[in-house]
Amino acid sequence: MNTLINHTKLFNPYVCIDPSMSYDEMIFLKATKKMVAKKDFTGISSNLGITNSVQEGMELKTILTDTTMDTENMCAIFETDKFIRTENQKGCSMTVNIMPMTHTISFL
């Protein structure tokens, strides 16, 4: 996501897999909103992947209104996507995929 926003013409297409948009009180989300308003994304396409890391059975509507840490990053990613789609009319084509949490990795 950082490269897409700050070095837009470096690659095409972009793949952003579960970016940490909520990190440090959403500082990168805020910076992204400022940068998107200034950039020309004509011809740029990206795929935004979101890991579904919430408890099984939780609906999207509930996730988007939840204020706990469990959903904070997912909400920030959805907010990023919504902002780019609604505020930026400069040609960025973004596809969003929600990836299921399929396994757990544990470190001993």
PDB file of N, CA and C in Angstrom:
ATOM      1  N   MET A   1       0.838  -1.184   0.000  1.00  0.00           N
ATOM      2  CA  MET A   1       0.000   0.000   0.000  1.00  0.00           C
ATOM      3  C   MET A   1       0.882   1.247   0.000  1.00  0.00           C
ATOM      4  N   ASN A   2       1.972   1.196   0.752  1.00  0.00           N
ATOM      5  CA  ASN A   2       2.873   2.340   0.816  1.00  0.00           C
ATOM      6  C   ASN A   2       3.429   2.675  -0.573  1.00  0.00           C
ATOM      7  N   THR A   3       3.829   1.655  -1.321  1.00  0.00           N
ATOM      8  CA  THR A   3       4.372   1.896  -2.657  1.00  0.00           C
ATOM      9  C   THR A   3       3.296   2.416  -3.598  1.00  0.00           C
ATOM     10  N   LEU A   4       2.098   1.869  -3.524  1.00  0.00           N
ATOM     11  CA  LEU A   4       0.990   2.345  -4.352  1.00  0.00           C
ATOM     12  C   LEU A   4       0.728   3.830  -4.125  1.00  0.00           C
ATOM     13  N   ILE A   5       0.714   4.246  -2.875  1.00  0.00           N
ATOM     14  CA  ILE A   5       0.387   5.628  -2.548  1.00  0.00           C
ATOM     15  C   ILE A   5       1.549   6.580  -2.802  1.00  0.00           C
ATOM     16  N   ASN A   6       2.755   6.172  -2.442  1.00  0.00           N
ATOM     17  CA  ASN A   6       3.896   7.088  -2.512  1.00  0.00           C
ATOM     18  C   ASN A   6       4.762   6.967  -3.767  1.00  0.00           C
ATOM     19  N   HIS A   7       4.667   5.844  -4.473  1.00  0.00           N
ATOM     20  CA  HIS A   7       5.463   5.631  -5.684  1.00  0.00           C
ATOM     21  C   HIS A   7       4.558   5.015  -6.753  1.00  0.00           C
ATOM     22  N   THR A   8       3.495   5.690  -7.044  1.00  0.00           N
ATOM     23  CA  THR A   8       2.380   5.179  -7.838  1.00  0.00           C
ATOM     24  C   THR A   8       2.774   4.576  -9.184  1.00  0.00           C
ATOM     25  N   LYS A   9       3.694   5.158  -9.878  1.00  0.00           N
ATOM     26  CA  LYS A   9       4.039   4.698 -11.231  1.00  0.00           C
ATOM     27  C   LYS A   9       5.106   3.599 -11.240  1.00  0.00           C
ATOM     28  N   LEU A  10       5.564   3.144 -10.083  1.00  0.00           N
ATOM     29  CA  LEU A  10       6.631   2.156 -10.004  1.00  0.00           C
ATOM     30  C   LEU A  10       6.199   0.783 -10.508  1.00  0.00           C
ATOM     31  N   PHE A  11       4.982   0.350 -10.186  1.00  0.00           N
ATOM     32  CA  PHE A  11       4.458  -0.945 -10.602  1.00  0.00           C
ATOM     33  C   PHE A  11       3.046  -0.788 -11.141  1.00  0.00           C
ATOM     34  N   ASN A  12       2.580  -1.817 -11.802  1.00  0.00           N
ATOM     35  CA  ASN A  12       1.187  -1.909 -12.200  1.00  0.00           C
ATOM     36  C   ASN A  12       0.947  -3.319 -12.715  1.00  0.00           C
ATOM     37  N   PRO A  13       0.076  -4.066 -12.159  1.00  0.00           N
ATOM     38  CA  PRO A  13      -0.844  -3.755 -11.074  1.00  0.00           C
ATOM     39  C   PRO A  13      -0.173  -3.921  -9.707  1.00  0.00           C
ATOM     40  N   TYR A  14      -0.864  -3.470  -8.684  1.00  0.00           N
ATOM     41  CA  TYR A  14      -0.413  -3.599  -7.302  1.00  0.00           C
ATOM     42  C   TYR A  14      -1.229  -4.676  -6.595  1.00  0.00           C
ATOM     43  N   VAL A  15      -0.588  -5.355  -5.657  1.00  0.00           N
ATOM     44  CA  VAL A  15      -1.278  -6.297  -4.783  1.00  0.00           C
ATOM     45  C   VAL A  15      -0.974  -5.858  -3.353  1.00  0.00           C
ATOM     46  N   CYS A  16      -1.995  -5.488  -2.637  1.00  0.00           N
ATOM     47  CA  CYS A  16      -1.853  -5.046  -1.239  1.00  0.00           C
ATOM     48  C   CYS A  16      -2.524  -6.094  -0.368  1.00  0.00           C
ATOM     49  N   ILE A  17      -1.722  -6.877   0.342  1.00  0.00           N
ATOM     50  CA  ILE A  17      -2.269  -7.970   1.130  1.00  0.00           C
ATOM     51  C   ILE A  17      -2.335  -7.569   2.593  1.00  0.00           C
ATOM     52  N   ASP A  18      -3.540  -7.405   3.074  1.00  0.00           N
ATOM     53  CA  ASP A  18      -3.817  -7.100   4.470  1.00  0.00           C
ATOM     54  C   ASP A  18      -2.909  -5.996   5.034  1.00  0.00           C
ATOM     55  N   PRO A  19      -2.933  -4.817   4.416  1.00  0.00           N
ATOM     56  CA  PRO A  19      -2.061  -3.739   4.898  1.00  0.00           C
ATOM     57  C   PRO A  19      -2.435  -3.283   6.308  1.00  0.00           C
ATOM     58  N   SER A  20      -1.449  -2.856   7.051  1.00  0.00           N
ATOM     59  CA  SER A  20      -1.666  -2.419   8.442  1.00  0.00           C
ATOM     60  C   SER A  20      -2.098  -0.961   8.477  1.00  0.00           C
ATOM     61  N   MET A  21      -3.296  -0.700   8.034  1.00  0.00           N
ATOM     62  CA  MET A  21      -3.800   0.664   7.954  1.00  0.00           C
ATOM     63  C   MET A  21      -4.153   1.239   9.324  1.00  0.00           C
ATOM     64  N   SER A  22      -4.305   0.391  10.329  1.00  0.00           N
ATOM     65  CA  SER A  22      -4.671   0.872  11.662  1.00  0.00           C
ATOM     66  C   SER A  22      -3.455   1.132  12.551  1.00  0.00           C
ATOM     67  N   TYR A  23      -2.278   0.833  12.064  1.00  0.00           N
ATOM     68  CA  TYR A  23      -1.056   0.970  12.866  1.00  0.00           C
ATOM     69  C   TYR A  23      -0.866   2.403  13.377  1.00  0.00           C
ATOM     70  N   ASP A  24      -0.409   2.512  14.601  1.00  0.00           N
ATOM     71  CA  ASP A  24      -0.053   3.796  15.217  1.00  0.00           C
ATOM     72  C   ASP A  24      -1.196   4.814  15.127  1.00  0.00           C
ATOM     73  N   GLU A  25      -2.347   4.395  15.635  1.00  0.00           N
ATOM     74  CA  GLU A  25      -3.536   5.247  15.649  1.00  0.00           C
ATOM     75  C   GLU A  25      -3.935   5.726  14.248  1.00  0.00           C
ATOM     76  N   MET A  26      -3.801   4.827  13.304  1.00  0.00           N
ATOM     77  CA  MET A  26      -4.215   5.030  11.904  1.00  0.00           C
ATOM     78  C   MET A  26      -3.448   6.140  11.196  1.00  0.00           C
ATOM     79  N   ILE A  27      -2.191   6.302  11.538  1.00  0.00           N
ATOM     80  CA  ILE A  27      -1.386   7.370  10.931  1.00  0.00           C
ATOM     81  C   ILE A  27      -1.229   7.175   9.419  1.00  0.00           C
ATOM     82  N   PHE A  28      -1.065   5.917   8.968  1.00  0.00           N
ATOM     83  CA  PHE A  28      -0.903   5.693   7.533  1.00  0.00           C
ATOM     84  C   PHE A  28      -2.222   5.882   6.787  1.00  0.00           C
ATOM     85  N   LEU A  29      -3.321   5.514   7.411  1.00  0.00           N
ATOM     86  CA  LEU A  29      -4.630   5.752   6.790  1.00  0.00           C
ATOM     87  C   LEU A  29      -4.845   7.245   6.583  1.00  0.00           C
ATOM     88  N   LYS A  30      -4.519   8.039   7.583  1.00  0.00           N
ATOM     89  CA  LYS A  30      -4.664   9.497   7.465  1.00  0.00           C
ATOM     90  C   LYS A  30      -3.751  10.058   6.377  1.00  0.00           C
ATOM     91  N   ALA A  31      -2.511   9.574   6.321  1.00  0.00           N
ATOM     92  CA  ALA A  31      -1.564  10.029   5.295  1.00  0.00           C
ATOM     93  C   ALA A  31      -2.026   9.604   3.906  1.00  0.00           C
ATOM     94  N   THR A  32      -2.585   8.403   3.809  1.00  0.00           N
ATOM     95  CA  THR A  32      -3.082   7.901   2.528  1.00  0.00           C
ATOM     96  C   THR A  32      -4.200   8.793   2.000  1.00  0.00           C
ATOM     97  N   LYS A  33      -5.101   9.189   2.868  1.00  0.00           N
ATOM     98  CA  LYS A  33      -6.197  10.060   2.441  1.00  0.00           C
ATOM     99  C   LYS A  33      -5.672  11.389   1.885  1.00  0.00           C
ATOM    100  N   LYS A  34      -4.633  11.922   2.511  1.00  0.00           N
ATOM    101  CA  LYS A  34      -4.049  13.175   2.020  1.00  0.00           C
ATOM    102  C   LYS A  34      -3.382  12.984   0.666  1.00  0.00           C
ATOM    103  N   MET A  35      -2.647  11.882   0.515  1.00  0.00           N
ATOM    104  CA  MET A  35      -1.903  11.635  -0.727  1.00  0.00           C
ATOM    105  C   MET A  35      -2.835  11.304  -1.894  1.00  0.00           C
ATOM    106  N   VAL A  36      -3.867  10.531  -1.635  1.00  0.00           N
ATOM    107  CA  VAL A  36      -4.793  10.126  -2.704  1.00  0.00           C
ATOM    108  C   VAL A  36      -5.423  11.350  -3.359  1.00  0.00           C
ATOM    109  N   ALA A  37      -5.719  12.346  -2.575  1.00  0.00           N
ATOM    110  CA  ALA A  37      -6.336  13.561  -3.120  1.00  0.00           C
ATOM    111  C   ALA A  37      -5.416  14.280  -4.099  1.00  0.00           C
ATOM    112  N   LYS A  38      -4.109  14.089  -3.983  1.00  0.00           N
ATOM    113  CA  LYS A  38      -3.137  14.788  -4.823  1.00  0.00           C
ATOM    114  C   LYS A  38      -2.665  13.979  -6.024  1.00  0.00           C
ATOM    115  N   LYS A  39      -2.909  12.668  -6.034  1.00  0.00           N
ATOM    116  CA  LYS A  39      -2.319  11.775  -7.033  1.00  0.00           C
ATOM    117  C   LYS A  39      -3.219  11.548  -8.240  1.00  0.00           C
ATOM    118  N   ASP A  40      -2.580  11.228  -9.334  1.00  0.00           N
ATOM    119  CA  ASP A  40      -3.289  10.797 -10.542  1.00  0.00           C
ATOM    120  C   ASP A  40      -3.062   9.294 -10.685  1.00  0.00           C
ATOM    121  N   PHE A  41      -4.113   8.517 -10.555  1.00  0.00           N
ATOM    122  CA  PHE A  41      -4.025   7.061 -10.627  1.00  0.00           C
ATOM    123  C   PHE A  41      -4.510   6.514 -11.968  1.00  0.00           C
ATOM    124  N   THR A  42      -4.522   7.341 -12.990  1.00  0.00           N
ATOM    125  CA  THR A  42      -5.009   6.899 -14.289  1.00  0.00           C
ATOM    126  C   THR A  42      -4.230   5.681 -14.754  1.00  0.00           C
ATOM    127  N   GLY A  43      -4.951   4.603 -15.071  1.00  0.00           N
ATOM    128  CA  GLY A  43      -4.341   3.379 -15.570  1.00  0.00           C
ATOM    129  C   GLY A  43      -3.767   2.463 -14.509  1.00  0.00           C
ATOM    130  N   ILE A  44      -3.837   2.837 -13.257  1.00  0.00           N
ATOM    131  CA  ILE A  44      -3.295   2.025 -12.173  1.00  0.00           C
ATOM    132  C   ILE A  44      -4.384   1.100 -11.654  1.00  0.00           C
ATOM    133  N   SER A  45      -4.048  -0.167 -11.486  1.00  0.00           N
ATOM    134  CA  SER A  45      -5.005  -1.097 -10.890  1.00  0.00           C
ATOM    135  C   SER A  45      -4.353  -1.772  -9.689  1.00  0.00           C
ATOM    136  N   SER A  46      -5.196  -2.136  -8.741  1.00  0.00           N
ATOM    137  CA  SER A  46      -4.688  -2.769  -7.524  1.00  0.00           C
ATOM    138  C   SER A  46      -5.685  -3.783  -7.002  1.00  0.00           C
ATOM    139  N   ASN A  47      -5.160  -4.734  -6.279  1.00  0.00           N
ATOM    140  CA  ASN A  47      -5.979  -5.739  -5.621  1.00  0.00           C
ATOM    141  C   ASN A  47      -5.712  -5.618  -4.140  1.00  0.00           C
ATOM    142  N   LEU A  48      -6.733  -5.367  -3.378  1.00  0.00           N
ATOM    143  CA  LEU A  48      -6.624  -5.185  -1.943  1.00  0.00           C
ATOM    144  C   LEU A  48      -7.159  -6.427  -1.246  1.00  0.00           C
ATOM    145  N   GLY A  49      -6.269  -7.167  -0.594  1.00  0.00           N
ATOM    146  CA  GLY A  49      -6.660  -8.384   0.114  1.00  0.00           C
ATOM    147  C   GLY A  49      -6.854  -8.107   1.590  1.00  0.00           C
ATOM    148  N   ILE A  50      -7.932  -8.611   2.145  1.00  0.00           N
ATOM    149  CA  ILE A  50      -8.240  -8.420   3.550  1.00  0.00           C
ATOM    150  C   ILE A  50      -8.392  -9.794   4.196  1.00  0.00           C
ATOM    151  N   THR A  51      -7.593 -10.067   5.214  1.00  0.00           N
ATOM    152  CA  THR A  51      -7.717 -11.331   5.926  1.00  0.00           C
ATOM    153  C   THR A  51      -8.898 -11.259   6.880  1.00  0.00           C
ATOM    154  N   ASN A  52      -9.785 -12.213   6.748  1.00  0.00           N
ATOM    155  CA  ASN A  52     -10.937 -12.285   7.650  1.00  0.00           C
ATOM    156  C   ASN A  52     -10.474 -12.947   8.942  1.00  0.00           C
ATOM    157  N   SER A  53     -10.034 -12.137   9.879  1.00  0.00           N
ATOM    158  CA  SER A  53      -9.464 -12.655  11.114  1.00  0.00           C
ATOM    159  C   SER A  53     -10.412 -12.559  12.300  1.00  0.00           C
ATOM    160  N   VAL A  54     -11.668 -12.265  12.049  1.00  0.00           N
ATOM    161  CA  VAL A  54     -12.648 -12.159  13.142  1.00  0.00           C
ATOM    162  C   VAL A  54     -13.273 -13.522  13.407  1.00  0.00           C
ATOM    163  N   GLN A  55     -13.999 -13.595  14.500  1.00  0.00           N
ATOM    164  CA  GLN A  55     -14.606 -14.865  14.862  1.00  0.00           C
ATOM    165  C   GLN A  55     -15.602 -15.329  13.804  1.00  0.00           C
ATOM    166  N   GLU A  56     -15.666 -16.632  13.631  1.00  0.00           N
ATOM    167  CA  GLU A  56     -16.530 -17.232  12.619  1.00  0.00           C
ATOM    168  C   GLU A  56     -17.979 -16.824  12.826  1.00  0.00           C
ATOM    169  N   GLY A  57     -18.641 -16.497  11.733  1.00  0.00           N
ATOM    170  CA  GLY A  57     -20.048 -16.134  11.778  1.00  0.00           C
ATOM    171  C   GLY A  57     -20.310 -14.646  11.954  1.00  0.00           C
ATOM    172  N   MET A  58     -19.270 -13.849  12.196  1.00  0.00           N
ATOM    173  CA  MET A  58     -19.463 -12.410  12.376  1.00  0.00           C
ATOM    174  C   MET A  58     -19.751 -11.782  11.012  1.00  0.00           C
ATOM    175  N   GLU A  59     -20.840 -11.054  10.907  1.00  0.00           N
ATOM    176  CA  GLU A  59     -21.245 -10.453   9.639  1.00  0.00           C
ATOM    177  C   GLU A  59     -20.503  -9.144   9.386  1.00  0.00           C
ATOM    178  N   LEU A  60     -20.383  -8.793   8.114  1.00  0.00           N
ATOM    179  CA  LEU A  60     -19.670  -7.579   7.723  1.00  0.00           C
ATOM    180  C   LEU A  60     -20.273  -6.343   8.390  1.00  0.00           C
ATOM    181  N   LYS A  61     -21.577  -6.266   8.461  1.00  0.00           N
ATOM    182  CA  LYS A  61     -22.245  -5.125   9.096  1.00  0.00           C
ATOM    183  C   LYS A  61     -21.786  -4.972  10.547  1.00  0.00           C
ATOM    184  N   THR A  62     -21.658  -6.086  11.248  1.00  0.00           N
ATOM    185  CA  THR A  62     -21.202  -6.074  12.643  1.00  0.00           C
ATOM    186  C   THR A  62     -19.738  -5.661  12.730  1.00  0.00           C
ATOM    187  N   ILE A  63     -18.919  -6.180  11.815  1.00  0.00           N
ATOM    188  CA  ILE A  63     -17.491  -5.846  11.793  1.00  0.00           C
ATOM    189  C   ILE A  63     -17.302  -4.344  11.628  1.00  0.00           C
ATOM    190  N   LEU A  64     -18.038  -3.752  10.709  1.00  0.00           N
ATOM    191  CA  LEU A  64     -17.872  -2.335  10.405  1.00  0.00           C
ATOM    192  C   LEU A  64     -18.348  -1.402  11.521  1.00  0.00           C
ATOM    193  N   THR A  65     -19.170  -1.899  12.423  1.00  0.00           N
ATOM    194  CA  THR A  65     -19.630  -1.068  13.531  1.00  0.00           C
ATOM    195  C   THR A  65     -18.959  -1.438  14.853  1.00  0.00           C
ATOM    196  N   ASP A  66     -18.174  -2.492  14.839  1.00  0.00           N
ATOM    197  CA  ASP A  66     -17.483  -2.939  16.050  1.00  0.00           C
ATOM    198  C   ASP A  66     -16.329  -1.988  16.360  1.00  0.00           C
ATOM    199  N   THR A  67     -16.097  -1.704  17.622  1.00  0.00           N
ATOM    200  CA  THR A  67     -15.040  -0.771  18.001  1.00  0.00           C
ATOM    201  C   THR A  67     -13.916  -1.441  18.794  1.00  0.00           C
ATOM    202  N   THR A  68     -13.887  -2.763  18.803  1.00  0.00           N
ATOM    203  CA  THR A  68     -12.836  -3.462  19.533  1.00  0.00           C
ATOM    204  C   THR A  68     -11.584  -3.602  18.669  1.00  0.00           C
ATOM    205  N   MET A  69     -10.488  -3.956  19.315  1.00  0.00           N
ATOM    206  CA  MET A  69      -9.221  -4.162  18.611  1.00  0.00           C
ATOM    207  C   MET A  69      -9.304  -5.323  17.619  1.00  0.00           C
ATOM    208  N   ASP A  70     -10.225  -6.265  17.844  1.00  0.00           N
ATOM    209  CA  ASP A  70     -10.347  -7.440  16.982  1.00  0.00           C
ATOM    210  C   ASP A  70     -10.659  -7.065  15.536  1.00  0.00           C
ATOM    211  N   THR A  71     -11.371  -5.991  15.332  1.00  0.00           N
ATOM    212  CA  THR A  71     -11.796  -5.611  13.982  1.00  0.00           C
ATOM    213  C   THR A  71     -11.164  -4.306  13.491  1.00  0.00           C
ATOM    214  N   GLU A  72     -10.319  -3.700  14.304  1.00  0.00           N
ATOM    215  CA  GLU A  72      -9.775  -2.379  13.977  1.00  0.00           C
ATOM    216  C   GLU A  72      -9.080  -2.327  12.617  1.00  0.00           C
ATOM    217  N   ASN A  73      -8.203  -3.293  12.331  1.00  0.00           N
ATOM    218  CA  ASN A  73      -7.483  -3.232  11.061  1.00  0.00           C
ATOM    219  C   ASN A  73      -8.405  -3.510   9.879  1.00  0.00           C
ATOM    220  N   MET A  74      -9.319  -4.470  10.032  1.00  0.00           N
ATOM    221  CA  MET A  74     -10.264  -4.736   8.935  1.00  0.00           C
ATOM    222  C   MET A  74     -11.082  -3.481   8.631  1.00  0.00           C
ATOM    223  N   CYS A  75     -11.543  -2.801   9.659  1.00  0.00           N
ATOM    224  CA  CYS A  75     -12.334  -1.572   9.460  1.00  0.00           C
ATOM    225  C   CYS A  75     -11.501  -0.499   8.775  1.00  0.00           C
ATOM    226  N   ALA A  76     -10.242  -0.377   9.161  1.00  0.00           N
ATOM    227  CA  ALA A  76      -9.369   0.625   8.550  1.00  0.00           C
ATOM    228  C   ALA A  76      -9.115   0.308   7.079  1.00  0.00           C
ATOM    229  N   ILE A  77      -8.977  -0.958   6.734  1.00  0.00           N
ATOM    230  CA  ILE A  77      -8.779  -1.342   5.334  1.00  0.00           C
ATOM    231  C   ILE A  77     -10.041  -1.050   4.525  1.00  0.00           C
ATOM    232  N   PHE A  78     -11.203  -1.391   5.069  1.00  0.00           N
ATOM    233  CA  PHE A  78     -12.460  -1.076   4.384  1.00  0.00           C
ATOM    234  C   PHE A  78     -12.620   0.431   4.208  1.00  0.00           C
ATOM    235  N   GLU A  79     -12.214   1.184   5.206  1.00  0.00           N
ATOM    236  CA  GLU A  79     -12.289   2.645   5.111  1.00  0.00           C
ATOM    237  C   GLU A  79     -11.362   3.157   4.005  1.00  0.00           C
ATOM    238  N   THR A  80     -10.177   2.563   3.897  1.00  0.00           N
ATOM    239  CA  THR A  80      -9.238   2.929   2.829  1.00  0.00           C
ATOM    240  C   THR A  80      -9.860   2.676   1.469  1.00  0.00           C
ATOM    241  N   ASP A  81     -10.415   1.494   1.295  1.00  0.00           N
ATOM    242  CA  ASP A  81     -11.059   1.130   0.032  1.00  0.00           C
ATOM    243  C   ASP A  81     -12.208   2.086  -0.296  1.00  0.00           C
ATOM    244  N   LYS A  82     -13.052   2.340   0.679  1.00  0.00           N
ATOM    245  CA  LYS A  82     -14.193   3.241   0.460  1.00  0.00           C
ATOM    246  C   LYS A  82     -13.721   4.637   0.069  1.00  0.00           C
ATOM    247  N   PHE A  83     -12.694   5.120   0.753  1.00  0.00           N
ATOM    248  CA  PHE A  83     -12.176   6.448   0.453  1.00  0.00           C
ATOM    249  C   PHE A  83     -11.636   6.524  -0.976  1.00  0.00           C
ATOM    250  N   ILE A  84     -10.837   5.532  -1.354  1.00  0.00           N
ATOM    251  CA  ILE A  84     -10.259   5.540  -2.703  1.00  0.00           C
ATOM    252  C   ILE A  84     -11.359   5.466  -3.755  1.00  0.00           C
ATOM    253  N   ARG A  85     -12.371   4.646  -3.511  1.00  0.00           N
ATOM    254  CA  ARG A  85     -13.465   4.498  -4.484  1.00  0.00           C
ATOM    255  C   ARG A  85     -14.351   5.743  -4.577  1.00  0.00           C
ATOM    256  N   THR A  86     -14.615   6.411  -3.464  1.00  0.00           N
ATOM    257  CA  THR A  86     -15.565   7.526  -3.486  1.00  0.00           C
ATOM    258  C   THR A  86     -14.919   8.894  -3.650  1.00  0.00           C
ATOM    259  N   GLU A  87     -13.743   9.079  -3.103  1.00  0.00           N
ATOM    260  CA  GLU A  87     -13.113  10.400  -3.141  1.00  0.00           C
ATOM    261  C   GLU A  87     -12.181  10.598  -4.319  1.00  0.00           C
ATOM    262  N   ASN A  88     -11.604   9.520  -4.802  1.00  0.00           N
ATOM    263  CA  ASN A  88     -10.629   9.652  -5.880  1.00  0.00           C
ATOM    264  C   ASN A  88     -11.291   9.359  -7.218  1.00  0.00           C
ATOM    265  N   GLN A  89     -11.432  10.361  -8.014  1.00  0.00           N
ATOM    266  CA  GLN A  89     -12.009  10.189  -9.343  1.00  0.00           C
ATOM    267  C   GLN A  89     -10.912  10.206 -10.407  1.00  0.00           C
ATOM    268  N   LYS A  90      -9.696   9.848 -10.021  1.00  0.00           N
ATOM    269  CA  LYS A  90      -8.552   9.955 -10.926  1.00  0.00           C
ATOM    270  C   LYS A  90      -8.082   8.607 -11.469  1.00  0.00           C
ATOM    271  N   GLY A  91      -8.971   7.654 -11.597  1.00  0.00           N
ATOM    272  CA  GLY A  91      -8.679   6.469 -12.367  1.00  0.00           C
ATOM    273  C   GLY A  91      -8.123   5.238 -11.688  1.00  0.00           C
ATOM    274  N   CYS A  92      -8.076   5.147 -10.387  1.00  0.00           N
ATOM    275  CA  CYS A  92      -7.563   3.946  -9.735  1.00  0.00           C
ATOM    276  C   CYS A  92      -8.637   2.859  -9.748  1.00  0.00           C
ATOM    277  N   SER A  93      -8.292   1.719 -10.314  1.00  0.00           N
ATOM    278  CA  SER A  93      -9.196   0.586 -10.324  1.00  0.00           C
ATOM    279  C   SER A  93      -8.786  -0.353  -9.193  1.00  0.00           C
ATOM    280  N   MET A  94      -9.666  -0.555  -8.225  1.00  0.00           N
ATOM    281  CA  MET A  94      -9.319  -1.388  -7.081  1.00  0.00           C
ATOM    282  C   MET A  94     -10.304  -2.527  -6.929  1.00  0.00           C
ATOM    283  N   THR A  95      -9.770  -3.741  -6.785  1.00  0.00           N
ATOM    284  CA  THR A  95     -10.565  -4.922  -6.515  1.00  0.00           C
ATOM    285  C   THR A  95     -10.285  -5.331  -5.081  1.00  0.00           C
ATOM    286  N   VAL A  96     -11.324  -5.677  -4.345  1.00  0.00           N
ATOM    287  CA  VAL A  96     -11.162  -6.078  -2.948  1.00  0.00           C
ATOM    288  C   VAL A  96     -11.554  -7.540  -2.798  1.00  0.00           C
ATOM    289  N   ASN A  97     -10.707  -8.298  -2.109  1.00  0.00           N
ATOM    290  CA  ASN A  97     -10.980  -9.704  -1.818  1.00  0.00           C
ATOM    291  C   ASN A  97     -10.849  -9.924  -0.325  1.00  0.00           C
ATOM    292  N   ILE A  98     -11.844 -10.569   0.268  1.00  0.00           N
ATOM    293  CA  ILE A  98     -11.760 -10.938   1.674  1.00  0.00           C
ATOM    294  C   ILE A  98     -11.318 -12.393   1.715  1.00  0.00           C
ATOM    295  N   MET A  99     -10.149 -12.617   2.314  1.00  0.00           N
ATOM    296  CA  MET A  99      -9.561 -13.952   2.353  1.00  0.00           C
ATOM    297  C   MET A  99      -9.928 -14.630   3.667  1.00  0.00           C
ATOM    298  N   PRO A 100     -10.403 -15.865   3.600  1.00  0.00           N
ATOM    299  CA  PRO A 100     -10.746 -16.572   4.854  1.00  0.00           C
ATOM    300  C   PRO A 100      -9.487 -16.932   5.631  1.00  0.00           C
ATOM    301  N   MET A 101      -9.617 -16.956   6.942  1.00  0.00           N
ATOM    302  CA  MET A 101      -8.528 -17.417   7.796  1.00  0.00           C
ATOM    303  C   MET A 101      -8.578 -18.938   7.746  1.00  0.00           C
ATOM    304  N   THR A 102      -7.604 -19.558   7.100  1.00  0.00           N
ATOM    305  CA  THR A 102      -7.688 -20.996   6.859  1.00  0.00           C
ATOM    306  C   THR A 102      -6.861 -21.842   7.814  1.00  0.00           C
ATOM    307  N   HIS A 103      -5.867 -21.255   8.424  1.00  0.00           N
ATOM    308  CA  HIS A 103      -5.055 -22.042   9.347  1.00  0.00           C
ATOM    309  C   HIS A 103      -4.370 -21.121  10.354  1.00  0.00           C
ATOM    310  N   THR A 104      -3.856 -21.713  11.390  1.00  0.00           N
ATOM    311  CA  THR A 104      -3.172 -20.954  12.422  1.00  0.00           C
ATOM    312  C   THR A 104      -1.717 -21.391  12.469  1.00  0.00           C
ATOM    313  N   ILE A 105      -0.842 -20.427  12.559  1.00  0.00           N
ATOM    314  CA  ILE A 105       0.582 -20.722  12.679  1.00  0.00           C
ATOM    315  C   ILE A 105       0.979 -20.459  14.127  1.00  0.00           C
ATOM    316  N   SER A 106       1.621 -21.431  14.727  1.00  0.00           N
ATOM    317  CA  SER A 106       2.074 -21.217  16.102  1.00  0.00           C
ATOM    318  C   SER A 106       3.585 -21.387  16.165  1.00  0.00           C
ATOM    319  N   PHE A 107       4.198 -20.600  16.986  1.00  0.00           N
ATOM    320  CA  PHE A 107       5.632 -20.660  17.178  1.00  0.00           C
ATOM    321  C   PHE A 107       5.907 -21.169  18.583  1.00  0.00           C
ATOM    322  N   LEU A 108       6.775 -22.141  18.686  1.00  0.00           N
ATOM    323  CA  LEU A 108       7.093 -22.710  20.009  1.00  0.00           C
ATOM    324  C   LEU A 108       8.212 -21.959  20.663  1.00  0.00           C
TER     325      LEU A 108
END
